């Protein structure tokens, strides 16, 4: 493969001859010099770009021939959704498993965070912003409080 320097807007650009065409080369490493090149342009979030040193001798690069890119970047972390809203990676939310409990129970809080596109616990849509503790009402004799229906229920004749 022949390489040709062509003046272009005050700078030289390098082109490689392939057949009857010259294609612009992006990685020009002069004879006797080395450079760090990459096998991919991007890597997924959480991974590292690993550069590979390549040395030029008489127009040939040694090392991993798949390392052809000048740079590599890490992709943005995935966001999370609760079905309605989208949250950036790292977003944290503290909510409650119930919006109302009856004493002597207490409100239980849960913290969940967006971590690379997944919630660490539950989606915020399954949590409440607030929680109240209510006293159990006194029911007449023979009746018991039902927290599901929020009524005194029973048969006084039992």
C-alpha atoms as a PDB file:
ATOM      1  CA  UNK A   1       0.000   0.000   0.000  1.00  0.00           C
ATOM      2  CA  UNK A   2       1.554   3.284  -1.093  1.00  0.00           C
ATOM      3  CA  UNK A   3       1.163   6.419   0.959  1.00  0.00           C
ATOM      4  CA  UNK A   4       1.076   9.870  -0.569  1.00  0.00           C
ATOM      5  CA  UNK A   5       1.243  13.307   1.101  1.00  0.00           C
ATOM      6  CA  UNK A   6      -1.072  15.863  -0.473  1.00  0.00           C
ATOM      7  CA  UNK A   7      -1.171  19.533   0.621  1.00  0.00           C
ATOM      8  CA  UNK A   8      -4.658  20.395   1.857  1.00  0.00           C
ATOM      9  CA  UNK A   9      -5.648  23.835   3.219  1.00  0.00           C
ATOM     10  CA  UNK A  10      -2.192  24.555   4.581  1.00  0.00           C
ATOM     11  CA  UNK A  11      -1.710  21.077   6.102  1.00  0.00           C
ATOM     12  CA  UNK A  12      -0.534  17.825   4.638  1.00  0.00           C
ATOM     13  CA  UNK A  13      -2.940  14.921   4.644  1.00  0.00           C
ATOM     14  CA  UNK A  14      -1.898  11.355   4.144  1.00  0.00           C
ATOM     15  CA  UNK A  15      -3.614   9.085   1.661  1.00  0.00           C
ATOM     16  CA  UNK A  16      -3.198   5.352   1.051  1.00  0.00           C
ATOM     17  CA  UNK A  17      -3.383   4.054  -2.520  1.00  0.00           C
ATOM     18  CA  UNK A  18      -5.761   1.158  -2.908  1.00  0.00           C
ATOM     19  CA  UNK A  19      -6.093   0.116  -6.527  1.00  0.00           C
ATOM     20  CA  UNK A  20      -6.543   3.338  -8.497  1.00  0.00           C
ATOM     21  CA  UNK A  21      -7.872   5.284  -5.512  1.00  0.00           C
ATOM     22  CA  UNK A  22      -6.295   7.214  -2.668  1.00  0.00           C
ATOM     23  CA  UNK A  23      -8.178   6.959   0.636  1.00  0.00           C
ATOM     24  CA  UNK A  24      -7.412   9.296   3.504  1.00  0.00           C
ATOM     25  CA  UNK A  25      -5.514   7.552   6.288  1.00  0.00           C
ATOM     26  CA  UNK A  26      -6.401   8.491   9.863  1.00  0.00           C
ATOM     27  CA  UNK A  27      -3.565   6.842  11.791  1.00  0.00           C
ATOM     28  CA  UNK A  28      -0.184   7.987  10.513  1.00  0.00           C
ATOM     29  CA  UNK A  29       2.699   6.841  12.663  1.00  0.00           C
ATOM     30  CA  UNK A  30       6.129   7.800  11.261  1.00  0.00           C
ATOM     31  CA  UNK A  31       8.934   5.228  10.926  1.00  0.00           C
ATOM     32  CA  UNK A  32      10.592   4.511  14.269  1.00  0.00           C
ATOM     33  CA  UNK A  33       7.731   6.006  16.293  1.00  0.00           C
ATOM     34  CA  UNK A  34       4.940   4.459  18.308  1.00  0.00           C
ATOM     35  CA  UNK A  35       1.378   5.419  19.242  1.00  0.00           C
ATOM     36  CA  UNK A  36      -1.452   4.106  21.385  1.00  0.00           C
ATOM     37  CA  UNK A  37      -4.361   2.828  19.301  1.00  0.00           C
ATOM     38  CA  UNK A  38      -7.683   1.190  20.228  1.00  0.00           C
ATOM     39  CA  UNK A  39      -9.639  -1.760  18.856  1.00  0.00           C
ATOM     40  CA  UNK A  40     -12.989   0.026  19.248  1.00  0.00           C
ATOM     41  CA  UNK A  41     -14.212   3.621  19.115  1.00  0.00           C
ATOM     42  CA  UNK A  42     -16.510   3.169  22.132  1.00  0.00           C
ATOM     43  CA  UNK A  43     -16.983   0.766  25.046  1.00  0.00           C
ATOM     44  CA  UNK A  44     -20.104   0.227  27.194  1.00  0.00           C
ATOM     45  CA  UNK A  45     -20.537   2.168  30.414  1.00  0.00           C
ATOM     46  CA  UNK A  46     -18.535   0.574  33.236  1.00  0.00           C
ATOM     47  CA  UNK A  47     -15.838  -0.761  30.897  1.00  0.00           C
ATOM     48  CA  UNK A  48     -12.419   0.757  30.200  1.00  0.00           C
ATOM     49  CA  UNK A  49     -10.843   1.680  26.896  1.00  0.00           C
ATOM     50  CA  UNK A  50      -7.652  -0.337  26.622  1.00  0.00           C
ATOM     51  CA  UNK A  51      -5.023   1.230  24.434  1.00  0.00           C
ATOM     52  CA  UNK A  52      -2.512  -0.908  22.580  1.00  0.00           C
ATOM     53  CA  UNK A  53       0.927   0.424  21.763  1.00  0.00           C
ATOM     54  CA  UNK A  54       1.829  -0.011  18.092  1.00  0.00           C
ATOM     55  CA  UNK A  55       5.316   0.632  16.692  1.00  0.00           C
ATOM     56  CA  UNK A  56       6.052   1.578  13.076  1.00  0.00           C
ATOM     57  CA  UNK A  57       9.082   0.103  11.312  1.00  0.00           C
ATOM     58  CA  UNK A  58       9.569   0.507   7.560  1.00  0.00           C
ATOM     59  CA  UNK A  59       5.914   1.386   7.050  1.00  0.00           C
ATOM     60  CA  UNK A  60       4.576  -1.606   8.989  1.00  0.00           C
ATOM     61  CA  UNK A  61       2.836  -1.482  12.355  1.00  0.00           C
ATOM     62  CA  UNK A  62       3.552  -4.236  14.828  1.00  0.00           C
ATOM     63  CA  UNK A  63       1.067  -5.480  17.415  1.00  0.00           C
ATOM     64  CA  UNK A  64      -2.658  -6.115  17.285  1.00  0.00           C
ATOM     65  CA  UNK A  65      -3.812  -5.322  13.735  1.00  0.00           C
ATOM     66  CA  UNK A  66      -7.366  -4.657  14.970  1.00  0.00           C
ATOM     67  CA  UNK A  67      -6.102  -1.645  16.982  1.00  0.00           C
ATOM     68  CA  UNK A  68      -6.762   1.043  14.358  1.00  0.00           C
ATOM     69  CA  UNK A  69      -8.630   3.843  16.170  1.00  0.00           C
ATOM     70  CA  UNK A  70      -6.960   7.023  17.489  1.00  0.00           C
ATOM     71  CA  UNK A  71      -9.337   7.371  20.404  1.00  0.00           C
ATOM     72  CA  UNK A  72     -11.915   5.514  22.422  1.00  0.00           C
ATOM     73  CA  UNK A  73     -14.717   6.804  24.640  1.00  0.00           C
ATOM     74  CA  UNK A  74     -16.960   5.273  27.288  1.00  0.00           C
ATOM     75  CA  UNK A  75     -20.677   5.311  26.476  1.00  0.00           C
ATOM     76  CA  UNK A  76     -23.067   7.220  28.737  1.00  0.00           C
ATOM     77  CA  UNK A  77     -24.661   5.206  31.534  1.00  0.00           C
ATOM     78  CA  UNK A  78     -28.155   3.929  30.866  1.00  0.00           C
ATOM     79  CA  UNK A  79     -31.071   5.763  32.454  1.00  0.00           C
ATOM     80  CA  UNK A  80     -34.008   4.219  34.368  1.00  0.00           C
ATOM     81  CA  UNK A  81     -37.734   4.627  33.954  1.00  0.00           C
ATOM     82  CA  UNK A  82     -40.670   4.140  36.292  1.00  0.00           C
ATOM     83  CA  UNK A  83     -43.058   3.723  33.383  1.00  0.00           C
ATOM     84  CA  UNK A  84     -43.825   7.439  33.208  1.00  0.00           C
ATOM     85  CA  UNK A  85     -40.615   9.364  33.910  1.00  0.00           C
ATOM     86  CA  UNK A  86     -36.978   8.833  32.958  1.00  0.00           C
ATOM     87  CA  UNK A  87     -34.194   9.258  35.533  1.00  0.00           C
ATOM     88  CA  UNK A  88     -30.454   9.668  35.013  1.00  0.00           C
ATOM     89  CA  UNK A  89     -27.990   7.099  36.245  1.00  0.00           C
ATOM     90  CA  UNK A  90     -27.246   7.764  39.929  1.00  0.00           C
ATOM     91  CA  UNK A  91     -30.716   9.176  40.724  1.00  0.00           C
ATOM     92  CA  UNK A  92     -31.832   8.093  44.200  1.00  0.00           C
ATOM     93  CA  UNK A  93     -35.347   8.095  45.686  1.00  0.00           C
ATOM     94  CA  UNK A  94     -36.597   7.303  49.187  1.00  0.00           C
ATOM     95  CA  UNK A  95     -40.259   6.405  49.521  1.00  0.00           C
ATOM     96  CA  UNK A  96     -42.618   4.294  51.594  1.00  0.00           C
ATOM     97  CA  UNK A  97     -44.049   0.839  50.999  1.00  0.00           C
ATOM     98  CA  UNK A  98     -47.485   2.002  52.247  1.00  0.00           C
ATOM     99  CA  UNK A  99     -49.192   5.373  52.361  1.00  0.00           C
ATOM    100  CA  UNK A 100     -51.134   4.508  55.537  1.00  0.00           C
ATOM    101  CA  UNK A 101     -50.509   2.115  58.420  1.00  0.00           C
ATOM    102  CA  UNK A 102     -52.377   1.554  61.670  1.00  0.00           C
ATOM    103  CA  UNK A 103     -50.603   1.675  64.992  1.00  0.00           C
ATOM    104  CA  UNK A 104     -48.707  -0.057  66.436  1.00  0.00           C
ATOM    105  CA  UNK A 105     -47.219  -0.522  62.913  1.00  0.00           C
ATOM    106  CA  UNK A 106     -44.755   2.035  61.595  1.00  0.00           C
ATOM    107  CA  UNK A 107     -44.022   3.410  58.142  1.00  0.00           C
ATOM    108  CA  UNK A 108     -41.214   1.544  56.364  1.00  0.00           C
ATOM    109  CA  UNK A 109     -39.044   3.577  54.021  1.00  0.00           C
ATOM    110  CA  UNK A 110     -37.119   2.163  51.067  1.00  0.00           C
ATOM    111  CA  UNK A 111     -34.333   3.842  49.107  1.00  0.00           C
ATOM    112  CA  UNK A 112     -33.887   2.874  45.480  1.00  0.00           C
ATOM    113  CA  UNK A 113     -31.308   4.142  42.987  1.00  0.00           C
ATOM    114  CA  UNK A 114     -30.838   4.055  39.236  1.00  0.00           C
ATOM    115  CA  UNK A 115     -27.699   2.033  38.531  1.00  0.00           C
ATOM    116  CA  UNK A 116     -26.788   1.536  34.852  1.00  0.00           C
ATOM    117  CA  UNK A 117     -30.390   1.280  33.709  1.00  0.00           C
ATOM    118  CA  UNK A 118     -31.705  -0.833  36.606  1.00  0.00           C
ATOM    119  CA  UNK A 119     -33.313   0.070  39.929  1.00  0.00           C
ATOM    120  CA  UNK A 120     -31.391  -1.206  42.973  1.00  0.00           C
ATOM    121  CA  UNK A 121     -34.658  -2.037  44.763  1.00  0.00           C
ATOM    122  CA  UNK A 122     -38.115  -1.303  43.435  1.00  0.00           C
ATOM    123  CA  UNK A 123     -39.177   1.278  40.874  1.00  0.00           C
ATOM    124  CA  UNK A 124     -40.223   4.594  42.459  1.00  0.00           C
ATOM    125  CA  UNK A 125     -43.662   4.047  40.915  1.00  0.00           C
ATOM    126  CA  UNK A 126     -44.164   1.268  43.515  1.00  0.00           C
ATOM    127  CA  UNK A 127     -43.413   3.611  46.426  1.00  0.00           C
ATOM    128  CA  UNK A 128     -45.375   6.403  48.098  1.00  0.00           C
ATOM    129  CA  UNK A 129     -44.045   9.909  48.749  1.00  0.00           C
ATOM    130  CA  UNK A 130     -45.454   9.955  52.270  1.00  0.00           C
ATOM    131  CA  UNK A 131     -46.913   7.668  54.909  1.00  0.00           C
ATOM    132  CA  UNK A 132     -49.236   8.284  57.845  1.00  0.00           C
ATOM    133  CA  UNK A 133     -49.787   6.277  61.021  1.00  0.00           C
ATOM    134  CA  UNK A 134     -53.394   6.151  62.217  1.00  0.00           C
ATOM    135  CA  UNK A 135     -54.706   4.940  65.542  1.00  0.00           C
ATOM    136  CA  UNK A 136     -57.029   1.940  65.362  1.00  0.00           C
ATOM    137  CA  UNK A 137     -60.552   3.120  66.168  1.00  0.00           C
ATOM    138  CA  UNK A 138     -62.426   1.586  69.080  1.00  0.00           C
ATOM    139  CA  UNK A 139     -64.976  -0.894  67.742  1.00  0.00           C
ATOM    140  CA  UNK A 140     -68.161  -1.883  69.570  1.00  0.00           C
ATOM    141  CA  UNK A 141     -68.125  -5.155  71.476  1.00  0.00           C
ATOM    142  CA  UNK A 142     -67.995  -8.148  69.120  1.00  0.00           C
ATOM    143  CA  UNK A 143     -66.565  -6.121  66.233  1.00  0.00           C
ATOM    144  CA  UNK A 144     -62.960  -5.977  65.062  1.00  0.00           C
ATOM    145  CA  UNK A 145     -61.177  -3.359  63.024  1.00  0.00           C
ATOM    146  CA  UNK A 146     -60.470  -4.414  59.409  1.00  0.00           C
ATOM    147  CA  UNK A 147     -57.635  -2.223  58.036  1.00  0.00           C
ATOM    148  CA  UNK A 148     -58.404  -3.324  54.458  1.00  0.00           C
ATOM    149  CA  UNK A 149     -61.994  -2.050  54.491  1.00  0.00           C
ATOM    150  CA  UNK A 150     -61.278   0.510  57.217  1.00  0.00           C
ATOM    151  CA  UNK A 151     -64.445  -0.559  59.051  1.00  0.00           C
ATOM    152  CA  UNK A 152     -65.388  -2.295  62.254  1.00  0.00           C
ATOM    153  CA  UNK A 153     -66.607  -5.719  61.171  1.00  0.00           C
ATOM    154  CA  UNK A 154     -67.926  -8.807  62.818  1.00  0.00           C
ATOM    155  CA  UNK A 155     -71.032 -10.467  64.202  1.00  0.00           C
ATOM    156  CA  UNK A 156     -71.983  -9.318  67.676  1.00  0.00           C
ATOM    157  CA  UNK A 157     -73.927 -12.551  68.175  1.00  0.00           C
ATOM    158  CA  UNK A 158     -70.767 -14.771  67.921  1.00  0.00           C
END
